[in-house]
Protein backbone atom coordinates (compact mmCIF):
# COMPACT_ATOMS: atom_id res chain seq x y z
CA MET A 1 -5.84 22.62 37.49
CA THR A 2 -5.67 25.91 35.60
CA GLY A 3 -6.15 27.80 38.85
CA VAL A 4 -3.26 25.93 40.44
CA HIS A 5 -0.98 26.61 37.46
CA GLU A 6 -1.83 30.31 37.57
CA MET A 7 -1.30 30.46 41.34
CA ALA A 8 2.07 28.73 40.99
CA ARG A 9 3.09 31.21 38.31
CA ARG A 10 2.09 34.18 40.45
CA VAL A 11 3.81 32.83 43.58
CA SER A 12 7.05 32.10 41.74
CA SER A 13 6.98 35.57 40.16
CA GLY A 14 6.93 37.20 43.60
CA ASP A 15 3.26 38.21 43.78
CA VAL A 16 2.77 38.89 47.51
CA ARG A 17 -1.03 38.63 47.37
CA ALA A 18 -0.80 35.25 45.69
CA LEU A 19 1.75 34.17 48.29
CA ALA A 20 -0.60 35.15 51.12
CA ARG A 21 -3.49 33.29 49.52
CA ALA A 22 -1.35 30.19 48.93
CA ALA A 23 -0.22 30.30 52.57
CA THR A 24 -3.87 30.26 53.63
CA TRP A 25 -4.52 27.26 51.38
CA ILE A 26 -1.67 25.41 53.04
CA GLU A 27 -2.50 26.32 56.63
CA ASN A 28 -6.19 25.47 56.20
CA ARG A 29 -5.32 22.34 54.23
CA HIS A 30 -7.47 23.28 51.24
CA SER A 31 -7.54 20.67 48.50
CA PRO A 32 -5.48 22.64 45.91
CA ALA A 33 -2.58 23.13 48.34
CA GLU A 34 -0.88 19.81 47.64
CA ALA A 35 -1.09 20.22 43.86
CA LEU A 36 0.31 23.74 44.20
CA LEU A 37 3.28 22.58 46.28
CA GLN A 38 3.91 19.70 43.91
CA GLU A 39 4.14 22.15 41.02
CA LEU A 40 6.32 24.56 42.97
CA PHE A 41 8.70 21.96 44.43
CA PRO A 42 11.23 22.07 41.54
CA ARG A 43 11.76 25.75 42.41
CA THR A 44 12.77 24.98 46.01
CA GLY A 45 16.28 24.49 47.39
CA HIS A 46 17.42 28.10 47.19
CA ALA A 47 16.40 29.53 50.57
CA LEU A 48 18.37 29.26 53.78
CA VAL A 49 15.90 27.98 56.38
CA LEU A 50 16.87 29.25 59.83
CA GLY A 51 15.17 27.80 62.90
CA ILE A 52 15.09 30.09 65.93
CA THR A 53 14.21 28.40 69.20
CA GLY A 54 14.79 28.77 72.92
CA PRO A 55 12.89 29.38 76.14
CA PRO A 56 10.18 32.03 76.51
CA GLY A 57 11.51 35.50 77.23
CA ALA A 58 14.82 35.02 75.43
CA GLY A 59 13.83 37.59 72.81
CA LYS A 60 13.27 35.34 69.79
CA SER A 61 10.75 37.67 68.14
CA THR A 62 12.99 40.70 68.64
CA LEU A 63 15.89 38.72 67.20
CA CYS A 64 13.81 37.75 64.13
CA ASP A 65 12.99 41.41 63.62
CA ALA A 66 16.66 42.43 63.90
CA LEU A 67 17.78 39.64 61.55
CA THR A 68 15.16 40.74 59.04
CA THR A 69 16.51 44.29 59.16
CA GLY A 70 20.07 43.01 58.68
CA ALA A 71 19.08 40.71 55.83
CA ARG A 72 17.19 43.47 54.02
CA ALA A 73 20.19 45.78 54.37
CA ALA A 74 22.12 43.06 52.54
CA SER A 75 19.43 43.03 49.79
CA LEU A 76 18.10 39.62 50.82
CA THR A 77 14.40 38.80 50.69
CA VAL A 78 12.94 37.35 53.87
CA GLY A 79 10.10 35.09 54.93
CA VAL A 80 9.20 34.66 58.59
CA ILE A 81 7.02 31.89 59.99
CA ALA A 82 6.14 32.77 63.56
CA VAL A 83 4.63 29.76 65.30
CA ASP A 84 2.35 30.90 68.10
CA PRO A 85 0.31 29.18 70.79
CA SER A 86 -3.30 28.53 69.85
CA SER A 87 -6.30 30.32 71.26
CA PRO A 88 -8.38 27.79 73.23
CA PHE A 89 -11.51 29.38 71.73
CA SER A 90 -10.79 29.99 68.04
CA GLY A 91 -7.83 27.66 67.45
CA GLY A 92 -6.02 30.58 65.83
CA ALA A 93 -2.70 32.14 66.77
CA ILE A 94 -2.84 34.19 69.96
CA LEU A 95 -0.10 36.43 68.66
CA GLY A 96 -0.36 37.50 65.05
CA ASP A 97 1.58 39.11 62.26
CA ARG A 98 -0.43 42.31 62.77
CA ILE A 99 1.48 42.96 65.98
CA ARG A 100 4.79 41.45 64.90
CA MET A 101 7.50 43.21 62.96
CA THR A 102 5.25 46.18 62.17
CA ARG A 103 8.08 48.25 60.74
CA HIS A 104 8.40 45.74 57.87
CA HIS A 105 4.70 45.58 56.97
CA SER A 106 5.04 47.78 53.87
CA ASP A 107 8.19 46.07 52.58
CA PRO A 108 7.37 43.59 49.78
CA GLY A 109 10.72 41.94 50.43
CA VAL A 110 9.46 40.73 53.82
CA PHE A 111 6.62 38.23 54.25
CA VAL A 112 5.51 37.39 57.80
CA ARG A 113 3.05 34.64 58.65
CA SER A 114 1.84 33.70 62.12
CA MET A 115 0.71 30.11 62.46
CA ALA A 116 -1.11 28.48 65.36
CA THR A 117 0.15 25.20 66.80
CA ARG A 118 -3.46 23.97 67.16
CA GLY A 119 -2.25 21.36 69.63
CA TRP A 120 0.67 20.21 67.44
CA LEU A 121 3.70 19.24 69.51
CA GLY A 122 7.36 20.05 68.97
CA GLY A 123 7.06 23.84 69.00
CA LEU A 124 5.91 23.91 65.37
CA ALA A 125 2.58 24.21 63.61
CA ARG A 126 1.25 21.36 61.53
CA ALA A 127 1.94 22.88 58.12
CA THR A 128 5.29 24.49 58.91
CA ALA A 129 7.32 22.31 56.56
CA GLU A 130 4.95 23.01 53.67
CA MET A 131 5.05 26.73 54.44
CA THR A 132 8.85 26.78 54.25
CA MET A 133 8.64 25.10 50.84
CA LEU A 134 6.18 27.75 49.68
CA LEU A 135 8.40 30.65 50.78
CA ASP A 136 11.43 28.94 49.25
CA ALA A 137 9.64 28.52 45.93
CA ALA A 138 8.53 32.15 46.11
CA GLY A 139 12.18 33.17 45.95
CA ARG A 140 12.79 34.19 49.57
CA ASP A 141 16.51 34.11 50.30
CA LEU A 142 16.14 33.67 54.08
CA VAL A 143 13.23 31.84 55.70
CA MET A 144 13.10 32.08 59.48
CA VAL A 145 10.96 29.76 61.61
CA GLU A 146 10.44 31.02 65.14
CA THR A 147 9.15 28.27 67.43
CA VAL A 148 6.71 28.66 70.29
CA GLY A 149 9.34 28.52 73.02
CA VAL A 150 8.18 25.79 75.37
CA GLY A 151 11.31 23.77 76.07
CA GLN A 152 12.71 20.41 75.08
CA ASP A 153 9.88 19.46 72.67
CA GLU A 154 11.29 22.00 70.24
CA VAL A 155 14.02 19.70 68.95
CA GLU A 156 11.63 19.10 66.01
CA ILE A 157 12.94 22.31 64.43
CA ALA A 158 16.27 20.57 63.71
CA ARG A 159 14.44 18.23 61.31
CA LEU A 160 13.20 21.18 59.30
CA ALA A 161 15.83 23.93 59.37
CA ASP A 162 19.12 24.09 57.51
CA VAL A 163 20.55 25.93 60.52
CA THR A 164 19.16 25.97 64.07
CA ALA A 165 19.90 28.89 66.39
CA VAL A 166 19.22 28.35 70.10
CA VAL A 167 18.55 31.68 71.79
CA LEU A 168 19.19 32.21 75.50
CA ALA A 169 19.29 35.28 77.69
CA PRO A 170 20.97 35.95 81.05
CA GLY A 171 18.93 36.26 84.19
CA GLN A 172 16.35 33.60 83.41
CA GLY A 173 17.47 30.99 85.91
CA ASP A 174 19.40 27.88 85.05
CA ASP A 175 18.56 27.94 81.33
CA VAL A 176 21.36 25.65 80.21
CA GLN A 177 20.39 22.92 82.66
CA ALA A 178 16.75 23.24 81.58
CA ILE A 179 17.49 22.61 77.90
CA LYS A 180 20.64 20.50 78.02
CA ALA A 181 18.89 17.16 77.58
CA GLY A 182 17.54 17.97 74.12
CA MET A 183 18.48 21.29 72.66
CA MET A 184 22.21 21.40 73.31
CA GLU A 185 22.62 18.77 70.60
CA ILE A 186 20.53 20.48 67.93
CA ALA A 187 22.12 23.94 67.96
CA ASP A 188 24.26 24.99 65.01
CA VAL A 189 24.65 28.42 66.60
CA PHE A 190 24.08 29.61 70.17
CA VAL A 191 22.87 33.16 70.63
CA ILE A 192 23.14 35.00 73.93
CA ASN A 193 20.57 37.74 73.48
CA LYS A 194 20.32 40.72 75.85
CA SER A 195 24.03 40.24 76.33
CA ASP A 196 24.35 43.71 77.86
CA LEU A 197 22.62 42.43 80.99
CA PRO A 198 24.44 41.09 84.06
CA GLY A 199 25.09 37.37 83.88
CA ALA A 200 26.06 37.19 80.20
CA ASP A 201 29.60 36.06 81.04
CA LYS A 202 28.28 33.34 83.33
CA LEU A 203 25.80 32.13 80.72
CA GLU A 204 28.47 31.97 78.02
CA HIS A 205 30.71 29.97 80.35
CA GLU A 206 27.86 27.55 81.14
CA ILE A 207 27.08 27.01 77.44
CA LYS A 208 30.71 26.35 76.54
CA SER A 209 31.17 24.04 79.53
CA SER A 210 28.09 22.06 78.50
CA LEU A 211 29.28 21.86 74.91
CA ALA A 212 32.53 20.33 76.08
CA LEU A 213 30.49 17.35 77.35
CA VAL A 214 28.56 16.85 74.11
CA ASN A 215 30.07 14.60 71.47
CA GLN A 216 29.88 16.77 68.35
CA ALA A 217 32.09 16.85 65.28
CA GLN A 218 31.63 20.62 65.03
CA VAL A 219 31.32 22.74 68.16
CA PRO A 220 28.75 25.46 67.47
CA PRO A 221 29.81 29.07 67.96
CA VAL A 222 28.42 31.16 70.81
CA LEU A 223 27.55 34.73 69.82
CA ARG A 224 26.51 37.70 71.91
CA VAL A 225 23.72 39.87 70.56
CA VAL A 226 21.60 42.79 71.74
CA ALA A 227 18.76 42.33 69.27
CA SER A 228 16.79 45.36 70.44
CA GLU A 229 19.71 47.57 69.38
CA GLY A 230 20.86 45.52 66.37
CA ARG A 231 24.23 44.80 68.00
CA GLY A 232 25.90 41.60 66.84
CA VAL A 233 23.25 40.89 64.19
CA ASN A 234 25.56 41.08 61.17
CA GLU A 235 28.02 38.77 62.92
CA LEU A 236 25.16 36.36 63.59
CA LEU A 237 24.10 36.39 59.93
CA THR A 238 27.68 35.55 58.97
CA ALA A 239 27.75 32.72 61.52
CA VAL A 240 24.47 31.36 60.13
CA ARG A 241 25.87 31.33 56.57
CA ASP A 242 29.03 29.62 57.83
CA ALA A 243 26.96 27.03 59.68
CA ARG A 244 25.00 26.25 56.55
CA ALA A 245 28.23 25.72 54.64
CA ARG A 246 29.42 23.33 57.37
CA THR A 247 26.20 21.32 57.49
CA SER A 248 25.36 21.19 53.78
CA ASP A 249 25.92 17.61 52.71
CA PRO A 250 23.73 15.11 50.82
CA GLU A 251 23.55 12.65 53.72
CA ARG A 252 22.22 15.26 56.13
CA ALA A 253 19.66 16.44 53.57
CA ALA A 254 18.55 12.84 53.02
CA ARG A 255 18.13 12.29 56.78
CA MET A 256 16.12 15.50 57.13
CA TRP A 257 13.83 14.57 54.25
CA GLY A 258 13.41 11.09 55.67
CA SER A 259 12.15 12.64 58.91
CA ARG A 260 9.92 15.09 57.07
CA LEU A 261 8.37 12.33 54.96
CA ARG A 262 7.65 10.34 58.12
CA GLU A 263 5.78 13.34 59.58
CA MET A 264 3.98 14.07 56.31
CA LEU A 265 2.77 10.46 56.14
CA ARG A 266 1.58 10.64 59.76
CA GLU A 267 -0.32 13.84 59.01
CA ARG A 268 -1.91 12.33 55.91
CA LEU A 269 -3.12 9.34 57.90
CA LEU A 270 -4.54 11.57 60.62
CA ASP A 271 -6.33 13.71 58.04
CA ARG A 272 -8.37 10.68 56.99
CA PHE A 273 -10.28 10.69 60.27
CA THR A 274 -12.39 13.25 62.11
CA ASP A 275 -12.21 14.14 65.77
CA GLU A 276 -15.61 12.52 66.23
CA GLN A 277 -14.33 9.25 64.78
CA PHE A 278 -11.49 9.24 67.29
CA ALA A 279 -13.89 10.12 70.11
CA ALA A 280 -16.36 7.40 69.11
CA ALA A 281 -13.62 4.80 68.87
CA GLY A 282 -12.30 5.96 72.24
CA ARG A 283 -15.70 5.36 73.79
CA GLU A 284 -15.83 1.87 72.31
CA VAL A 285 -12.41 0.95 73.70
CA ALA A 286 -13.03 2.58 77.10
CA ALA A 287 -16.22 0.54 77.47
CA HIS A 288 -14.37 -2.62 76.40
CA ARG A 289 -16.80 -3.15 73.55
CA ARG A 290 -13.84 -3.24 71.18
CA ASP A 291 -10.09 -3.62 71.44
CA PRO A 292 -7.76 -0.88 70.12
CA PHE A 293 -5.88 -3.21 67.79
CA SER A 294 -8.86 -4.20 65.68
CA ILE A 295 -9.79 -0.53 65.28
CA LEU A 296 -6.28 0.38 64.16
CA ARG A 297 -6.26 -2.56 61.78
CA GLU A 298 -9.49 -1.33 60.19
CA TRP A 299 -8.17 2.19 59.87
CA THR A 300 -4.92 1.16 58.19
CA GLN A 301 -6.31 -1.39 55.73
């Protein structure tokens, strides 16, 4: 365990190389990762975890870049987890941190990690929750999680983030109707990006009209931003801090951790079995040589 203790010390002291190595442990599910996170957990609870979600083309990556610039100007350290689609060949992220946020690559106050979904649903990668804990323990003030951007499945981000920002842009069709069923309820802040384009007024009206139909104790603010130019970014950072103040209560934190623990237990159970074991069992059931219930009973005993 000496190696784990030393890694925990280096991560908590702000060693970027140690942070990168620990992130690899977590994403690849190496055996020391759990012991490392267990040791680091008492240091968590400081970071503001901001989820950024919305349909493809809304400018989520550009917004993350602009928010990083704004946060650094305010002397905040930043961690970014960019969840990307998986390559069908390698299983790795199709987009990567080498091509994201290149102007921040030499800034030790910014740590960017691209993670592949690897078939995981909900717009997140499998180890996203653990990665946010790592960045929190490493002393990052703001941790942003940018989801894949595939639609209603992305409500999972609300179970992870302190504040969820739903990003939309004008001129992309009936965006509000497309996401209303799931994502209207999870937003703590709505962001109209590319708000200098025609249709921004109409989109803002549609969002506010939809919010009037949703039963919420706090109506989330709707902000206009032009992320590519940095316009409205400071106002958005203020709105995010205000939203965290509104939503910070022990009951909400307990509900979020209840959901996270459910997912962590599910992942641990799945990790006990290989793809070949699932495939072999599938062949047995498909051929009616076995029933699914007896297999599940064996696996959970």
